[in-house]
Amino acid sequence: MTKAALTYDVYNQAKAFTDLRVKVVSGTPTQRTELYAELENTDCCDLVVVSYELFRQDIQQFIAFNKSKPFDVMYGDEIH
């Protein structure tokens, strides 16, 4: 999780400096629902980047996703 303004910076840094398959959670509620289904039903990525705001808004989606595919690590950048 990160500040909304830094979401794509985190994405770009991960793409530049790692071999991780990265997805950003963004878009309309419908687009995000489709992304959550993709995350839950495929092995499409290693890192999911989401803003604090969308995480709070979509918390039930993340809870359901974590039950079917538990997170290895959850990191909150400057979450204080």
C-alpha atoms as a PDB file:
ATOM      1  CA  MET A   1       0.000   0.000   0.000  1.00  0.00           C
ATOM      2  CA  THR A   2       1.181   3.489  -0.751  1.00  0.00           C
ATOM      3  CA  LYS A   3      -0.036   7.017  -1.237  1.00  0.00           C
ATOM      4  CA  ALA A   4      -2.169   7.296  -4.375  1.00  0.00           C
ATOM      5  CA  ALA A   5       0.314   9.701  -5.952  1.00  0.00           C
ATOM      6  CA  LEU A   6       3.112   7.140  -5.584  1.00  0.00           C
ATOM      7  CA  THR A   7       1.279   4.059  -6.883  1.00  0.00           C
ATOM      8  CA  TYR A   8       2.794   4.143 -10.352  1.00  0.00           C
ATOM      9  CA  ASP A   9       6.196   5.180  -9.014  1.00  0.00           C
ATOM     10  CA  VAL A  10       6.242   1.990  -6.928  1.00  0.00           C
ATOM     11  CA  TYR A  11       5.130   0.055 -10.021  1.00  0.00           C
ATOM     12  CA  ASN A  12       7.878   1.599 -12.180  1.00  0.00           C
ATOM     13  CA  GLN A  13      10.563   0.992  -9.552  1.00  0.00           C
ATOM     14  CA  ALA A  14       9.525  -2.643  -9.150  1.00  0.00           C
ATOM     15  CA  LYS A  15       9.560  -3.154 -12.929  1.00  0.00           C
ATOM     16  CA  ALA A  16      12.963  -1.464 -13.270  1.00  0.00           C
ATOM     17  CA  PHE A  17      14.762  -3.164 -10.413  1.00  0.00           C
ATOM     18  CA  THR A  18      13.109  -6.581  -9.976  1.00  0.00           C
ATOM     19  CA  ASP A  19      11.873  -9.505 -12.019  1.00  0.00           C
ATOM     20  CA  LEU A  20       8.503  -9.410 -10.249  1.00  0.00           C
ATOM     21  CA  ARG A  21       5.277  -9.487 -12.222  1.00  0.00           C
ATOM     22  CA  VAL A  22       3.519  -6.350 -10.986  1.00  0.00           C
ATOM     23  CA  LYS A  23      -0.131  -5.253 -11.114  1.00  0.00           C
ATOM     24  CA  VAL A  24      -1.605  -1.940  -9.976  1.00  0.00           C
ATOM     25  CA  VAL A  25      -5.093  -1.827  -8.483  1.00  0.00           C
ATOM     26  CA  SER A  26      -6.825   1.180 -10.022  1.00  0.00           C
ATOM     27  CA  GLY A  27      -9.782   2.150 -12.149  1.00  0.00           C
ATOM     28  CA  THR A  28     -13.523   2.067 -11.720  1.00  0.00           C
ATOM     29  CA  PRO A  29     -15.209  -0.306  -9.263  1.00  0.00           C
ATOM     30  CA  THR A  30     -16.087  -2.594 -12.194  1.00  0.00           C
ATOM     31  CA  GLN A  31     -12.504  -2.603 -13.481  1.00  0.00           C
ATOM     32  CA  ARG A  32     -11.178  -3.342 -10.003  1.00  0.00           C
ATOM     33  CA  THR A  33     -13.664  -6.201  -9.536  1.00  0.00           C
ATOM     34  CA  GLU A  34     -12.385  -7.738 -12.772  1.00  0.00           C
ATOM     35  CA  LEU A  35      -8.790  -7.299 -11.593  1.00  0.00           C
ATOM     36  CA  TYR A  36      -9.551  -8.941  -8.237  1.00  0.00           C
ATOM     37  CA  ALA A  37     -11.092 -11.904 -10.075  1.00  0.00           C
ATOM     38  CA  GLU A  38      -7.971 -12.173 -12.246  1.00  0.00           C
ATOM     39  CA  LEU A  39      -5.719 -12.027  -9.185  1.00  0.00           C
ATOM     40  CA  GLU A  40      -7.774 -14.673  -7.413  1.00  0.00           C
ATOM     41  CA  ASN A  41      -8.115 -17.069 -10.350  1.00  0.00           C
ATOM     42  CA  THR A  42      -4.715 -16.860 -12.034  1.00  0.00           C
ATOM     43  CA  ASP A  43      -1.060 -16.732 -11.169  1.00  0.00           C
ATOM     44  CA  CYS A  44      -0.656 -13.398 -12.941  1.00  0.00           C
ATOM     45  CA  CYS A  45       1.563 -11.479 -10.582  1.00  0.00           C
ATOM     46  CA  ASP A  46       3.992 -11.444  -7.687  1.00  0.00           C
ATOM     47  CA  LEU A  47       3.361  -7.911  -6.433  1.00  0.00           C
ATOM     48  CA  VAL A  48       0.111  -5.956  -6.156  1.00  0.00           C
ATOM     49  CA  VAL A  49       0.376  -2.189  -5.654  1.00  0.00           C
ATOM     50  CA  VAL A  50      -2.631  -0.361  -4.222  1.00  0.00           C
ATOM     51  CA  SER A  51      -3.214   3.037  -2.670  1.00  0.00           C
ATOM     52  CA  TYR A  52      -4.346   3.335   0.940  1.00  0.00           C
ATOM     53  CA  GLU A  53      -7.607   4.876  -0.231  1.00  0.00           C
ATOM     54  CA  LEU A  54      -8.527   1.991  -2.544  1.00  0.00           C
ATOM     55  CA  PHE A  55      -7.383  -0.566   0.017  1.00  0.00           C
ATOM     56  CA  ARG A  56      -9.764   0.912   2.587  1.00  0.00           C
ATOM     57  CA  GLN A  57     -12.543   1.216   0.023  1.00  0.00           C
ATOM     58  CA  ASP A  58     -12.096  -2.364  -1.241  1.00  0.00           C
ATOM     59  CA  ILE A  59     -11.126  -4.028   2.053  1.00  0.00           C
ATOM     60  CA  GLN A  60     -13.719  -6.804   1.645  1.00  0.00           C
ATOM     61  CA  GLN A  61     -12.223  -7.703  -1.756  1.00  0.00           C
ATOM     62  CA  PHE A  62      -8.762  -7.990  -0.170  1.00  0.00           C
ATOM     63  CA  ILE A  63     -10.080 -10.092   2.705  1.00  0.00           C
ATOM     64  CA  ALA A  64     -11.755 -12.492   0.267  1.00  0.00           C
ATOM     65  CA  PHE A  65      -8.674 -12.571  -1.957  1.00  0.00           C
ATOM     66  CA  ASN A  66      -6.388 -13.282   1.021  1.00  0.00           C
ATOM     67  CA  LYS A  67      -8.610 -16.202   2.097  1.00  0.00           C
ATOM     68  CA  SER A  68      -8.298 -17.893  -1.296  1.00  0.00           C
ATOM     69  CA  LYS A  69      -4.663 -16.904  -1.953  1.00  0.00           C
ATOM     70  CA  PRO A  70      -2.941 -15.868   1.273  1.00  0.00           C
ATOM     71  CA  PHE A  71      -0.461 -13.016   0.994  1.00  0.00           C
ATOM     72  CA  ASP A  72       3.168 -13.856   1.671  1.00  0.00           C
ATOM     73  CA  VAL A  73       3.912 -10.275   2.658  1.00  0.00           C
ATOM     74  CA  MET A  74       1.849  -7.146   3.049  1.00  0.00           C
ATOM     75  CA  TYR A  75       3.770  -3.895   3.154  1.00  0.00           C
ATOM     76  CA  GLY A  76       2.404  -0.468   3.953  1.00  0.00           C
ATOM     77  CA  ASP A  77       4.706   2.353   2.814  1.00  0.00           C
ATOM     78  CA  GLU A  78       4.643   5.143   5.401  1.00  0.00           C
ATOM     79  CA  ILE A  79       1.409   3.728   6.810  1.00  0.00           C
ATOM     80  CA  HIS A  80       1.704   5.692  10.032  1.00  0.00           C
END
